[in-house]
Amino acid sequence: MNRSRLERLRSVALLGGAAALCLACLGAAAWAADALAPAGTKATLSADYVYESAGKTQDSHALQQWRVKRIVSLTAQLAAQAPSALPQTQALDAGQLAELENKGNKAQAIATQMAPMMSDAHSIMLKCGEDEACLSREAQKMGAAMAGTPKMATALQAKKDAEQALRPAAPRYQAWRPTLQTGRYAIEETLHRAYADPICHKLPQQRCTRDEQRQGAGDLALPATAQNPGSAAGFSAVELDAAKSVLTLKLPVPLQPLAYTETITSDEPDATHDTRTPKGPQAKQMPFRAVVDGKLGQDKPLTVALKGGWRNQSGEQVHTVKGDAGAGGTLTVRWRFAVQ
């Protein structure tokens, strides 16, 4: 149906508006609150991860001493999405789900009310086809016949209900999506072991020693599939809830393992380990996982209360990471969100 036909029959075609009800309530509001940013506004979300572990264990048979420091600094460029009445990166709460269900029920009720009139409108379109004069004449006849009837009253009430239900809610949320991610890293680790073992009986004090050193630094690598930096934007996100005055953040994390060089020096006999200890520097990689309470940073978004204006927020968290020797330590996370 072209636009002129739709306009002539709009008084009896409220079902289309009712069917669009749920889409309207799920989509962005038609206007933005003063507190929210225009769509496309740029921002940055930076995150610094510092993992540190140092310690020493010793008994009559073995000595182990280690020092580990890994630093990853990332910056995600973000772009604001259109303000919306419902969240885009978070789950709906119980109240929002109930409201959507209520709107859906209203839409269904409006559709039921308008079903007889829609049937009449459909009959006119079948009768007239593309004949514009016929459509106009039959629509006028239909309107005259309905004047003052309960069917007309039902149609007018349905129109009023639809307009009220379709009225957009005030925008409450604003999501920010990544467009580019960059970063740097540094790794500095040492491990010294001295231990007694029958295989070490020919060595001084009948002890074997083993020293491991790991070093690496540089720009964070992009995935091999990335044709350009923009195609590796990462998975960070920010969403403002203006009603609750909170930010929910998914902090940027490295997209690729971190490259480093490992050098092991040892007087252990060749048969000490199932795999022979490599000689000289070895190129290796390690994943950097911001694991907190057993969950990756991406799996456990931060929700923080706003302090001052929402356009410039920052915070710090310190987490104890469980594990033996260098696998257990302290992870400090510092982040900042800044709207440009």
Protein backbone atom coordinates (compact mmCIF):
# COMPACT_ATOMS: atom_id res chain seq x y z
CA MET A 1 0.00 0.00 0.00
CA ASN A 2 1.38 3.45 -0.89
CA ARG A 3 1.43 6.32 1.61
CA SER A 4 -1.69 8.13 0.24
CA ARG A 5 -3.80 5.00 0.63
CA LEU A 6 -2.48 4.48 4.13
CA GLU A 7 -3.35 8.06 5.08
CA ARG A 8 -6.94 7.74 3.82
CA LEU A 9 -7.47 4.54 5.75
CA ARG A 10 -5.52 5.49 8.90
CA SER A 11 -8.70 5.95 10.91
CA VAL A 12 -9.41 2.24 10.55
CA ALA A 13 -5.83 0.95 10.55
CA LEU A 14 -4.92 1.36 14.19
CA LEU A 15 -3.86 -2.25 14.41
CA GLY A 16 -0.57 -1.41 12.76
CA GLY A 17 0.13 1.14 15.45
CA ALA A 18 -0.83 -1.32 18.15
CA ALA A 19 1.47 -3.96 16.71
CA ALA A 20 4.34 -1.49 16.82
CA LEU A 21 3.73 -0.81 20.49
CA CYS A 22 6.22 -3.30 21.90
CA LEU A 23 8.89 -2.24 19.42
CA ALA A 24 8.46 1.36 20.48
CA CYS A 25 8.73 0.58 24.17
CA LEU A 26 11.85 -1.52 23.58
CA GLY A 27 13.58 1.04 21.35
CA ALA A 28 15.21 4.33 22.07
CA ALA A 29 13.10 7.24 23.21
CA ALA A 30 12.39 9.91 20.62
CA TRP A 31 14.08 12.62 22.61
CA ALA A 32 17.07 12.77 24.92
CA ALA A 33 17.32 14.15 28.42
CA ASP A 34 19.66 17.07 28.92
CA ALA A 35 21.92 14.95 31.12
CA LEU A 36 22.68 12.45 28.35
CA ALA A 37 25.09 12.87 25.45
CA PRO A 38 24.15 13.06 21.76
CA ALA A 39 24.61 9.79 19.88
CA GLY A 40 28.11 9.54 18.45
CA THR A 41 29.79 11.50 21.24
CA LYS A 42 33.28 10.14 21.84
CA ALA A 43 34.72 8.89 25.12
CA THR A 44 37.58 6.77 26.42
CA LEU A 45 37.61 3.91 28.90
CA SER A 46 41.09 3.11 30.18
CA ALA A 47 42.13 0.27 32.45
CA ASP A 48 45.47 -0.43 34.12
CA TYR A 49 46.03 -3.92 35.49
CA VAL A 50 48.98 -4.46 37.82
CA TYR A 51 49.61 -7.99 39.04
CA GLU A 52 52.30 -8.42 41.69
CA SER A 53 53.56 -11.39 43.62
CA ALA A 54 56.68 -11.78 45.73
CA GLY A 55 57.66 -14.23 48.39
CA LYS A 56 59.94 -16.88 49.77
CA THR A 57 59.39 -20.37 51.14
CA GLN A 58 62.09 -22.46 52.76
CA ASP A 59 62.49 -25.65 54.72
CA SER A 60 65.29 -28.16 55.27
CA HIS A 61 64.89 -29.60 51.79
CA ALA A 62 64.04 -26.70 49.49
CA LEU A 63 64.19 -22.96 48.97
CA GLN A 64 61.91 -21.10 46.59
CA GLN A 65 61.96 -17.34 46.03
CA TRP A 66 60.02 -15.38 43.41
CA ARG A 67 59.10 -11.93 42.24
CA VAL A 68 56.44 -11.31 39.60
CA LYS A 69 55.14 -8.07 38.10
CA ARG A 70 52.86 -7.84 35.07
CA ILE A 71 51.43 -4.54 33.89
CA VAL A 72 48.80 -4.14 31.18
CA SER A 73 47.46 -0.70 30.22
CA LEU A 74 44.59 -0.43 27.75
CA THR A 75 42.53 2.38 26.30
CA ALA A 76 39.25 1.80 24.47
CA GLN A 77 37.79 4.51 22.28
CA LEU A 78 33.99 4.56 22.69
CA ALA A 79 31.04 6.09 20.90
CA ALA A 80 27.74 6.98 22.57
CA GLN A 81 24.61 5.17 21.46
CA ALA A 82 21.24 6.91 21.39
CA PRO A 83 19.73 7.37 24.87
CA SER A 84 17.11 4.74 25.62
CA ALA A 85 14.37 3.96 28.09
CA LEU A 86 15.69 0.44 28.64
CA PRO A 87 19.22 -0.91 29.15
CA GLN A 88 21.22 -2.26 26.22
CA THR A 89 24.09 -3.98 28.02
CA GLN A 90 22.38 -5.13 31.22
CA ALA A 91 19.54 -7.48 31.99
CA LEU A 92 16.10 -5.97 32.56
CA ASP A 93 15.04 -5.83 36.18
CA ALA A 94 11.74 -7.25 37.47
CA GLY A 95 9.95 -3.89 37.24
CA GLN A 96 10.98 -3.37 33.63
CA LEU A 97 9.95 -6.87 32.66
CA ALA A 98 6.56 -6.32 34.29
CA GLU A 99 6.14 -3.01 32.46
CA LEU A 100 6.92 -4.62 29.12
CA GLU A 101 4.45 -7.39 29.80
CA ASN A 102 1.81 -4.81 30.70
CA LYS A 103 2.44 -2.87 27.47
CA GLY A 104 2.28 -6.08 25.49
CA ASN A 105 -1.07 -6.92 27.05
CA LYS A 106 -2.36 -3.44 26.18
CA ALA A 107 -1.19 -3.85 22.60
CA GLN A 108 -3.00 -7.15 22.33
CA ALA A 109 -6.17 -5.61 23.77
CA ILE A 110 -6.02 -2.76 21.23
CA ALA A 111 -5.51 -5.25 18.41
CA THR A 112 -8.52 -7.24 19.58
CA GLN A 113 -10.66 -4.09 19.72
CA MET A 114 -9.65 -3.10 16.22
CA ALA A 115 -9.99 -6.52 14.60
CA PRO A 116 -13.53 -5.92 13.20
CA MET A 117 -12.57 -2.56 11.74
CA MET A 118 -9.38 -3.93 10.26
CA SER A 119 -11.44 -6.63 8.60
CA ASP A 120 -13.67 -3.96 7.04
CA ALA A 121 -10.61 -2.00 5.85
CA HIS A 122 -9.14 -5.15 4.34
CA SER A 123 -12.38 -5.82 2.49
CA ILE A 124 -12.25 -2.32 0.97
CA MET A 125 -8.67 -2.89 -0.23
CA LEU A 126 -9.63 -6.21 -1.77
CA LYS A 127 -12.61 -4.61 -3.52
CA CYS A 128 -10.80 -1.55 -4.86
CA GLY A 129 -7.32 -2.85 -5.51
CA GLU A 130 -5.25 0.08 -6.87
CA ASP A 131 -8.28 2.21 -7.72
CA GLU A 132 -7.65 5.38 -5.71
CA ALA A 133 -11.12 6.83 -6.35
CA CYS A 134 -12.74 3.60 -5.17
CA LEU A 135 -10.65 3.55 -2.02
CA SER A 136 -11.58 7.13 -1.20
CA ARG A 137 -15.29 6.55 -1.87
CA GLU A 138 -15.54 3.32 0.13
CA ALA A 139 -13.58 4.78 3.05
CA GLN A 140 -15.96 7.75 3.20
CA LYS A 141 -18.97 5.44 3.05
CA MET A 142 -17.50 3.31 5.81
CA GLY A 143 -16.88 6.37 8.00
CA ALA A 144 -20.41 7.72 7.44
CA ALA A 145 -21.95 4.36 8.28
CA MET A 146 -19.98 4.14 11.51
CA ALA A 147 -20.76 7.67 12.74
CA GLY A 148 -22.34 7.53 16.19
CA THR A 149 -22.12 3.74 16.41
CA PRO A 150 -20.46 1.68 19.16
CA LYS A 151 -17.91 0.54 16.57
CA MET A 152 -16.82 4.15 16.05
CA ALA A 153 -16.64 4.73 19.79
CA THR A 154 -14.48 1.62 20.11
CA ALA A 155 -12.20 2.85 17.33
CA LEU A 156 -11.78 6.29 18.91
CA GLN A 157 -11.03 4.77 22.30
CA ALA A 158 -8.52 2.36 20.77
CA LYS A 159 -6.82 5.26 19.01
CA LYS A 160 -6.58 7.14 22.29
CA ASP A 161 -5.24 4.05 24.10
CA ALA A 162 -2.66 3.43 21.39
CA GLU A 163 -1.41 7.01 21.43
CA GLN A 164 -1.04 6.89 25.20
CA ALA A 165 0.68 3.50 25.18
CA LEU A 166 3.00 4.48 22.34
CA ARG A 167 4.16 7.63 24.09
CA PRO A 168 7.92 7.16 24.51
CA ALA A 169 9.28 6.86 28.02
CA ALA A 170 11.90 9.35 29.14
CA PRO A 171 15.42 8.11 28.33
CA ARG A 172 17.16 6.71 31.38
CA TYR A 173 20.12 4.78 29.95
CA GLN A 174 22.98 5.50 27.61
CA ALA A 175 25.31 2.82 26.30
CA TRP A 176 28.82 3.39 24.94
CA ARG A 177 30.31 0.93 22.44
CA PRO A 178 34.00 0.45 21.52
CA THR A 179 35.43 1.59 18.18
CA LEU A 180 39.15 1.04 18.79
CA GLN A 181 41.37 -0.50 21.47
CA THR A 182 45.09 0.03 22.04
CA GLY A 183 47.47 -0.79 24.85
CA ARG A 184 50.91 -1.68 26.16
CA TYR A 185 52.29 -4.24 28.58
CA ALA A 186 55.37 -5.16 30.58
CA ILE A 187 56.39 -8.45 32.20
CA GLU A 188 59.22 -8.90 34.71
CA GLU A 189 59.48 -12.22 36.57
CA THR A 190 62.17 -14.14 38.42
CA LEU A 191 62.07 -17.50 40.15
CA HIS A 192 64.91 -19.13 42.10
CA ARG A 193 64.77 -22.69 43.36
CA ALA A 194 67.29 -24.77 45.33
CA TYR A 195 66.29 -28.22 46.45
CA ALA A 196 67.67 -31.50 47.71
CA ASP A 197 67.05 -34.60 45.60
CA PRO A 198 68.90 -37.88 45.09
CA ILE A 199 69.49 -36.90 41.47
CA CYS A 200 71.45 -33.87 42.72
CA HIS A 201 73.91 -35.88 44.88
CA LYS A 202 76.93 -34.96 42.78
CA LEU A 203 76.26 -31.22 43.06
CA PRO A 204 77.52 -28.87 45.82
CA GLN A 205 75.61 -29.49 49.05
CA GLN A 206 73.74 -32.17 47.07
CA ARG A 207 71.27 -29.55 45.87
CA CYS A 208 70.02 -28.58 42.42
CA THR A 209 69.41 -24.96 41.56
CA ARG A 210 67.12 -23.52 38.92
CA ASP A 211 66.63 -19.88 37.94
CA GLU A 212 63.89 -18.70 35.62
CA GLN A 213 63.58 -15.22 34.17
CA ARG A 214 60.73 -13.89 32.03
CA GLN A 215 60.78 -10.48 30.37
CA GLY A 216 58.58 -8.80 27.80
CA ALA A 217 57.21 -5.37 26.89
CA GLY A 218 55.64 -3.50 24.01
CA ASP A 219 52.40 -2.71 22.26
CA LEU A 220 49.56 -5.16 22.67
CA ALA A 221 49.12 -7.26 19.54
CA LEU A 222 45.95 -7.26 17.47
CA PRO A 223 44.25 -10.52 16.49
CA ALA A 224 45.69 -12.09 13.34
CA THR A 225 42.29 -11.71 11.65
CA ALA A 226 42.27 -7.91 12.12
CA GLN A 227 42.73 -6.08 8.83
CA ASN A 228 42.93 -2.72 10.58
CA PRO A 229 42.82 -1.46 14.20
CA GLY A 230 39.15 -0.54 13.94
CA SER A 231 38.19 -4.15 13.33
CA ALA A 232 39.69 -5.11 16.69
CA ALA A 233 37.70 -2.77 18.89
CA GLY A 234 37.45 -5.26 21.73
CA PHE A 235 34.51 -6.03 23.98
CA SER A 236 34.49 -3.19 26.49
CA ALA A 237 31.31 -1.26 27.21
CA VAL A 238 29.90 1.42 29.47
CA GLU A 239 26.28 2.09 30.34
CA LEU A 240 24.92 4.97 32.38
CA ASP A 241 21.76 4.54 34.44
CA ALA A 242 20.74 8.15 35.04
CA ALA A 243 17.87 7.18 37.34
CA LYS A 244 20.06 5.21 39.75
CA SER A 245 23.17 7.36 39.17
CA VAL A 246 25.39 4.36 38.47
CA LEU A 247 27.78 3.26 35.73
CA THR A 248 28.13 -0.33 34.61
CA LEU A 249 31.48 -1.04 32.96
CA LYS A 250 33.02 -3.92 31.05
CA LEU A 251 36.69 -3.04 31.17
CA PRO A 252 38.95 -3.62 28.16
CA VAL A 253 41.14 -6.73 28.26
CA PRO A 254 43.98 -7.87 25.96
CA LEU A 255 42.78 -9.45 22.73
CA GLN A 256 45.93 -11.52 22.26
CA PRO A 257 48.45 -13.33 24.50
CA LEU A 258 51.45 -11.36 25.75
CA ALA A 259 54.81 -12.14 24.16
CA TYR A 260 57.86 -12.57 26.39
CA THR A 261 61.29 -14.15 26.51
CA GLU A 262 62.02 -16.92 29.01
CA THR A 263 65.54 -17.82 30.05
CA ILE A 264 66.20 -20.78 32.34
CA THR A 265 69.59 -21.54 33.86
CA SER A 266 69.99 -24.69 35.90
CA ASP A 267 72.51 -27.26 37.05
CA GLU A 268 69.86 -29.96 37.14
CA PRO A 269 70.90 -33.20 35.42
CA ASP A 270 69.22 -33.82 32.08
CA ALA A 271 67.03 -36.58 33.48
CA THR A 272 65.53 -34.34 36.17
CA HIS A 273 62.43 -33.46 34.12
CA ASP A 274 60.41 -35.37 31.55
CA THR A 275 61.04 -32.49 29.13
CA ARG A 276 64.61 -31.32 28.72
CA THR A 277 65.22 -27.76 29.89
CA PRO A 278 65.77 -25.53 26.83
CA LYS A 279 69.09 -23.75 26.53
CA GLY A 280 69.19 -19.99 26.03
CA PRO A 281 66.37 -17.44 25.59
CA GLN A 282 63.04 -18.83 24.39
CA ALA A 283 60.19 -16.84 22.80
CA LYS A 284 56.89 -17.58 24.52
CA GLN A 285 53.41 -16.18 25.10
CA MET A 286 51.09 -16.01 28.09
CA PRO A 287 47.41 -15.07 28.34
CA PHE A 288 46.69 -12.16 30.65
CA ARG A 289 43.40 -12.84 32.33
CA ALA A 290 41.97 -10.30 34.75
CA VAL A 291 40.45 -13.02 36.92
CA VAL A 292 38.55 -11.87 40.00
CA ASP A 293 36.73 -14.35 42.22
CA GLY A 294 37.17 -16.97 39.54
CA LYS A 295 35.59 -14.87 36.78
CA LEU A 296 37.11 -12.95 33.91
CA GLY A 297 36.73 -9.19 34.02
CA GLN A 298 34.45 -9.36 30.99
CA ASP A 299 32.21 -11.86 32.78
CA LYS A 300 31.91 -9.74 35.90
CA PRO A 301 31.11 -6.13 34.94
CA LEU A 302 31.66 -3.38 37.49
CA THR A 303 28.71 -1.34 38.72
CA VAL A 304 29.79 1.79 40.54
CA ALA A 305 27.95 4.72 42.07
CA LEU A 306 28.62 8.06 40.42
CA LYS A 307 30.85 10.58 42.15
CA GLY A 308 30.10 14.01 40.76
CA GLY A 309 29.36 14.44 37.06
CA TRP A 310 29.00 11.17 35.18
CA ARG A 311 31.18 12.35 32.28
CA ASN A 312 34.40 11.84 34.23
CA GLN A 313 34.59 8.86 36.56
CA SER A 314 37.43 6.73 37.88
CA GLY A 315 38.07 4.04 40.43
CA GLU A 316 40.45 1.45 41.82
CA GLN A 317 39.97 -2.09 43.02
CA VAL A 318 42.47 -4.37 44.70
CA HIS A 319 41.89 -8.14 44.57
CA THR A 320 43.72 -11.00 46.21
CA VAL A 321 44.43 -13.77 43.71
CA LYS A 322 44.76 -17.24 45.19
CA GLY A 323 47.52 -19.61 44.13
CA ASP A 324 50.91 -21.02 45.00
CA ALA A 325 54.10 -18.96 44.62
CA GLY A 326 53.83 -16.55 41.67
CA ALA A 327 50.36 -17.82 40.81
CA GLY A 328 49.01 -16.07 43.89
CA GLY A 329 49.33 -12.37 44.48
CA THR A 330 47.57 -9.03 44.23
CA LEU A 331 45.75 -7.64 41.22
CA THR A 332 45.19 -3.90 41.25
CA VAL A 333 42.75 -2.51 38.69
CA ARG A 334 42.57 1.21 38.00
CA TRP A 335 40.05 2.53 35.49
CA ARG A 336 38.83 5.83 34.12
CA PHE A 337 35.88 6.81 31.94
CA ALA A 338 36.08 10.24 30.31
CA VAL A 339 33.72 11.84 27.81
CA GLN A 340 35.46 14.07 25.30
